[in-house]
PDB file of N, CA and C in Angstrom:
ATOM      1  N   MET A   1     -54.756 -63.841 -54.347  1.00  0.00           N
ATOM      2  CA  MET A   1     -53.716 -63.349 -53.311  1.00  0.00           C
ATOM      3  C   MET A   1     -54.311 -62.086 -52.722  1.00  0.00           C
ATOM      4  N   ALA A   2     -54.254 -61.988 -51.415  1.00  0.00           N
ATOM      5  CA  ALA A   2     -54.819 -60.998 -50.592  1.00  0.00           C
ATOM      6  C   ALA A   2     -53.948 -59.762 -50.720  1.00  0.00           C
ATOM      7  N   LEU A   3     -54.623 -58.632 -50.681  1.00  0.00           N
ATOM      8  CA  LEU A   3     -53.930 -57.400 -50.521  1.00  0.00           C
ATOM      9  C   LEU A   3     -53.433 -57.308 -49.066  1.00  0.00           C
ATOM     10  N   PRO A   4     -52.259 -56.507 -48.900  1.00  0.00           N
ATOM     11  CA  PRO A   4     -51.927 -56.192 -47.522  1.00  0.00           C
ATOM     12  C   PRO A   4     -52.931 -55.167 -46.873  1.00  0.00           C
ATOM     13  N   LEU A   5     -53.217 -55.330 -45.636  1.00  0.00           N
ATOM     14  CA  LEU A   5     -54.069 -54.403 -45.025  1.00  0.00           C
ATOM     15  C   LEU A   5     -53.296 -53.161 -44.652  1.00  0.00           C
ATOM     16  N   ALA A   6     -54.094 -52.009 -44.726  1.00  0.00           N
ATOM     17  CA  ALA A   6     -53.371 -50.659 -44.187  1.00  0.00           C
ATOM     18  C   ALA A   6     -53.263 -50.621 -42.700  1.00  0.00           C
ATOM     19  N   ALA A   7     -52.291 -50.038 -42.229  1.00  0.00           N
ATOM     20  CA  ALA A   7     -52.073 -49.893 -40.739  1.00  0.00           C
ATOM     21  C   ALA A   7     -53.280 -49.066 -40.232  1.00  0.00           C
ATOM     22  N   PRO A   8     -53.944 -49.354 -39.174  1.00  0.00           N
ATOM     23  CA  PRO A   8     -54.987 -48.538 -38.686  1.00  0.00           C
ATOM     24  C   PRO A   8     -54.540 -47.318 -38.159  1.00  0.00           C
ATOM     25  N   SER A   9     -55.351 -46.238 -38.298  1.00  0.00           N
ATOM     26  CA  SER A   9     -54.942 -44.903 -37.945  1.00  0.00           C
ATOM     27  C   SER A   9     -55.187 -44.708 -36.359  1.00  0.00           C
ATOM     28  N   ALA A  10     -54.301 -44.127 -35.794  1.00  0.00           N
ATOM     29  CA  ALA A  10     -54.587 -43.788 -34.371  1.00  0.00           C
ATOM     30  C   ALA A  10     -55.515 -42.767 -34.085  1.00  0.00           C
ATOM     31  N   ARG A  11     -55.943 -41.988 -35.004  1.00  0.00           N
ATOM     32  CA  ARG A  11     -56.899 -40.806 -34.742  1.00  0.00           C
ATOM     33  C   ARG A  11     -58.195 -41.309 -35.316  1.00  0.00           C
ATOM     34  N   LEU A  12     -59.320 -40.838 -34.570  1.00  0.00           N
ATOM     35  CA  LEU A  12     -60.663 -41.291 -35.032  1.00  0.00           C
ATOM     36  C   LEU A  12     -61.118 -40.338 -36.180  1.00  0.00           C
ATOM     37  N   ASP A  13     -61.671 -40.684 -37.121  1.00  0.00           N
ATOM     38  CA  ASP A  13     -62.160 -39.780 -38.201  1.00  0.00           C
ATOM     39  C   ASP A  13     -63.633 -39.247 -37.851  1.00  0.00           C
ATOM     40  N   ARG A  14     -64.168 -38.465 -38.691  1.00  0.00           N
ATOM     41  CA  ARG A  14     -65.428 -37.784 -38.303  1.00  0.00           C
ATOM     42  C   ARG A  14     -66.545 -38.738 -38.172  1.00  0.00           C
ATOM     43  N   ALA A  15     -66.492 -39.906 -38.994  1.00  0.00           N
ATOM     44  CA  ALA A  15     -67.641 -40.777 -38.924  1.00  0.00           C
ATOM     45  C   ALA A  15     -67.586 -41.382 -37.502  1.00  0.00           C
ATOM     46  N   ALA A  16     -66.329 -41.914 -36.947  1.00  0.00           N
ATOM     47  CA  ALA A  16     -66.208 -42.470 -35.677  1.00  0.00           C
ATOM     48  C   ALA A  16     -66.617 -41.621 -34.618  1.00  0.00           C
ATOM     49  N   TRP A  17     -66.353 -40.404 -34.581  1.00  0.00           N
ATOM     50  CA  TRP A  17     -66.775 -39.530 -33.605  1.00  0.00           C
ATOM     51  C   TRP A  17     -68.213 -39.268 -33.604  1.00  0.00           C
ATOM     52  N   SER A  18     -68.917 -39.175 -34.780  1.00  0.00           N
ATOM     53  CA  SER A  18     -70.265 -39.080 -34.877  1.00  0.00           C
ATOM     54  C   SER A  18     -70.980 -40.288 -34.322  1.00  0.00           C
ATOM     55  N   TRP A  19     -70.503 -41.500 -34.550  1.00  0.00           N
ATOM     56  CA  TRP A  19     -71.023 -42.733 -34.084  1.00  0.00           C
ATOM     57  C   TRP A  19     -70.772 -42.688 -32.556  1.00  0.00           C
ATOM     58  N   ALA A  20     -69.845 -42.432 -32.099  1.00  0.00           N
ATOM     59  CA  ALA A  20     -69.444 -42.304 -30.600  1.00  0.00           C
ATOM     60  C   ALA A  20     -70.554 -41.444 -29.869  1.00  0.00           C
ATOM     61  N   TRP A  21     -70.744 -40.292 -30.413  1.00  0.00           N
ATOM     62  CA  TRP A  21     -71.596 -39.272 -29.848  1.00  0.00           C
ATOM     63  C   TRP A  21     -73.038 -39.789 -29.926  1.00  0.00           C
ATOM     64  N   LEU A  22     -73.381 -40.336 -30.980  1.00  0.00           N
ATOM     65  CA  LEU A  22     -74.876 -40.950 -31.007  1.00  0.00           C
ATOM     66  C   LEU A  22     -74.987 -42.091 -29.987  1.00  0.00           C
ATOM     67  N   GLN A  23     -73.933 -43.053 -29.954  1.00  0.00           N
ATOM     68  CA  GLN A  23     -74.199 -44.008 -28.889  1.00  0.00           C
ATOM     69  C   GLN A  23     -74.282 -43.462 -27.512  1.00  0.00           C
ATOM     70  N   GLY A  24     -73.400 -42.447 -27.215  1.00  0.00           N
ATOM     71  CA  GLY A  24     -73.358 -41.982 -25.973  1.00  0.00           C
ATOM     72  C   GLY A  24     -74.730 -41.193 -25.502  1.00  0.00           C
ATOM     73  N   THR A  25     -75.349 -40.601 -26.529  1.00  0.00           N
ATOM     74  CA  THR A  25     -76.595 -39.953 -26.237  1.00  0.00           C
ATOM     75  C   THR A  25     -77.810 -40.934 -26.292  1.00  0.00           C
ATOM     76  N   ARG A  26     -77.709 -42.187 -26.982  1.00  0.00           N
ATOM     77  CA  ARG A  26     -78.736 -43.042 -27.270  1.00  0.00           C
ATOM     78  C   ARG A  26     -78.800 -43.995 -26.044  1.00  0.00           C
ATOM     79  N   ASP A  27     -77.763 -44.530 -25.609  1.00  0.00           N
ATOM     80  CA  ASP A  27     -77.705 -45.537 -24.448  1.00  0.00           C
ATOM     81  C   ASP A  27     -78.386 -45.160 -23.254  1.00  0.00           C
ATOM     82  N   PRO A  28     -78.161 -43.981 -22.588  1.00  0.00           N
ATOM     83  CA  PRO A  28     -78.896 -43.615 -21.456  1.00  0.00           C
ATOM     84  C   PRO A  28     -80.421 -43.602 -21.624  1.00  0.00           C
ATOM     85  N   TYR A  29     -80.790 -43.166 -22.785  1.00  0.00           N
ATOM     86  CA  TYR A  29     -82.223 -43.089 -23.040  1.00  0.00           C
ATOM     87  C   TYR A  29     -82.932 -44.564 -23.055  1.00  0.00           C
ATOM     88  N   VAL A  30     -82.136 -45.521 -23.689  1.00  0.00           N
ATOM     89  CA  VAL A  30     -82.622 -46.855 -23.798  1.00  0.00           C
ATOM     90  C   VAL A  30     -82.613 -47.369 -22.380  1.00  0.00           C
ATOM     91  N   VAL A  31     -81.647 -47.176 -21.514  1.00  0.00           N
ATOM     92  CA  VAL A  31     -81.725 -47.702 -20.191  1.00  0.00           C
ATOM     93  C   VAL A  31     -82.891 -47.201 -19.387  1.00  0.00           C
ATOM     94  N   LEU A  32     -83.218 -45.854 -19.418  1.00  0.00           N
ATOM     95  CA  LEU A  32     -84.231 -45.206 -18.695  1.00  0.00           C
ATOM     96  C   LEU A  32     -85.524 -45.836 -19.156  1.00  0.00           C
ATOM     97  N   ILE A  33     -85.813 -46.102 -20.523  1.00  0.00           N
ATOM     98  CA  ILE A  33     -86.992 -46.661 -20.938  1.00  0.00           C
ATOM     99  C   ILE A  33     -87.132 -47.976 -20.346  1.00  0.00           C
ATOM    100  N   MET A  34     -86.143 -48.856 -20.382  1.00  0.00           N
ATOM    101  CA  MET A  34     -86.213 -50.192 -19.913  1.00  0.00           C
ATOM    102  C   MET A  34     -86.526 -50.175 -18.387  1.00  0.00           C
ATOM    103  N   ILE A  35     -85.985 -49.310 -17.691  1.00  0.00           N
ATOM    104  CA  ILE A  35     -86.163 -49.328 -16.061  1.00  0.00           C
ATOM    105  C   ILE A  35     -87.646 -48.698 -15.854  1.00  0.00           C
ATOM    106  N   TYR A  36     -87.880 -47.556 -16.486  1.00  0.00           N
ATOM    107  CA  TYR A  36     -89.019 -46.743 -15.919  1.00  0.00           C
ATOM    108  C   TYR A  36     -90.391 -47.009 -16.768  1.00  0.00           C
ATOM    109  N   VAL A  37     -90.306 -47.567 -18.039  1.00  0.00           N
ATOM    110  CA  VAL A  37     -91.401 -47.879 -18.727  1.00  0.00           C
ATOM    111  C   VAL A  37     -91.679 -49.336 -18.806  1.00  0.00           C
ATOM    112  N   PHE A  38     -90.691 -50.028 -19.452  1.00  0.00           N
ATOM    113  CA  PHE A  38     -90.843 -51.389 -19.701  1.00  0.00           C
ATOM    114  C   PHE A  38     -91.059 -52.263 -18.435  1.00  0.00           C
ATOM    115  N   ALA A  39     -90.186 -51.967 -17.579  1.00  0.00           N
ATOM    116  CA  ALA A  39     -90.239 -52.864 -16.240  1.00  0.00           C
ATOM    117  C   ALA A  39     -91.598 -52.883 -15.414  1.00  0.00           C
ATOM    118  N   PRO A  40     -92.200 -51.642 -15.325  1.00  0.00           N
ATOM    119  CA  PRO A  40     -93.492 -51.645 -14.619  1.00  0.00           C
ATOM    120  C   PRO A  40     -94.596 -52.170 -15.474  1.00  0.00           C
ATOM    121  N   TYR A  41     -94.488 -52.007 -16.701  1.00  0.00           N
ATOM    122  CA  TYR A  41     -95.551 -52.542 -17.578  1.00  0.00           C
ATOM    123  C   TYR A  41     -95.335 -54.048 -17.563  1.00  0.00           C
ATOM    124  N   PHE A  42     -94.217 -54.664 -17.712  1.00  0.00           N
ATOM    125  CA  PHE A  42     -93.943 -56.166 -17.562  1.00  0.00           C
ATOM    126  C   PHE A  42     -94.447 -56.726 -16.090  1.00  0.00           C
ATOM    127  N   VAL A  43     -94.219 -56.108 -15.121  1.00  0.00           N
ATOM    128  CA  VAL A  43     -94.773 -56.417 -13.776  1.00  0.00           C
ATOM    129  C   VAL A  43     -96.198 -56.463 -13.741  1.00  0.00           C
ATOM    130  N   ARG A  44     -96.702 -55.362 -14.260  1.00  0.00           N
ATOM    131  CA  ARG A  44     -98.188 -55.182 -14.059  1.00  0.00           C
ATOM    132  C   ARG A  44     -99.069 -55.978 -15.053  1.00  0.00           C
ATOM    133  N   ASP A  45     -98.605 -56.279 -16.353  1.00  0.00           N
ATOM    134  CA  ASP A  45     -99.425 -56.828 -17.323  1.00  0.00           C
ATOM    135  C   ASP A  45     -98.999 -58.210 -17.730  1.00  0.00           C
ATOM    136  N   VAL A  46     -97.746 -58.535 -17.464  1.00  0.00           N
ATOM    137  CA  VAL A  46     -97.307 -59.781 -18.059  1.00  0.00           C
ATOM    138  C   VAL A  46     -97.028 -60.900 -17.128  1.00  0.00           C
TER     139      VAL A  46
END
C-alpha cells in the first residue's frame, strides 16, 4: 500500500534556489563556449 504524497510546497527551499542560481550562471557560459569555441573548431577541423 502506497503512502499518501505530501502536498508540494509553494516556496522554494534553499537547495532549489541554489540549483536555480547555478543553472542561471552555467547556461550562458555553455552557450558562449558552443558558439565561439566549438563552432569555429568544428568548421575548421571537422
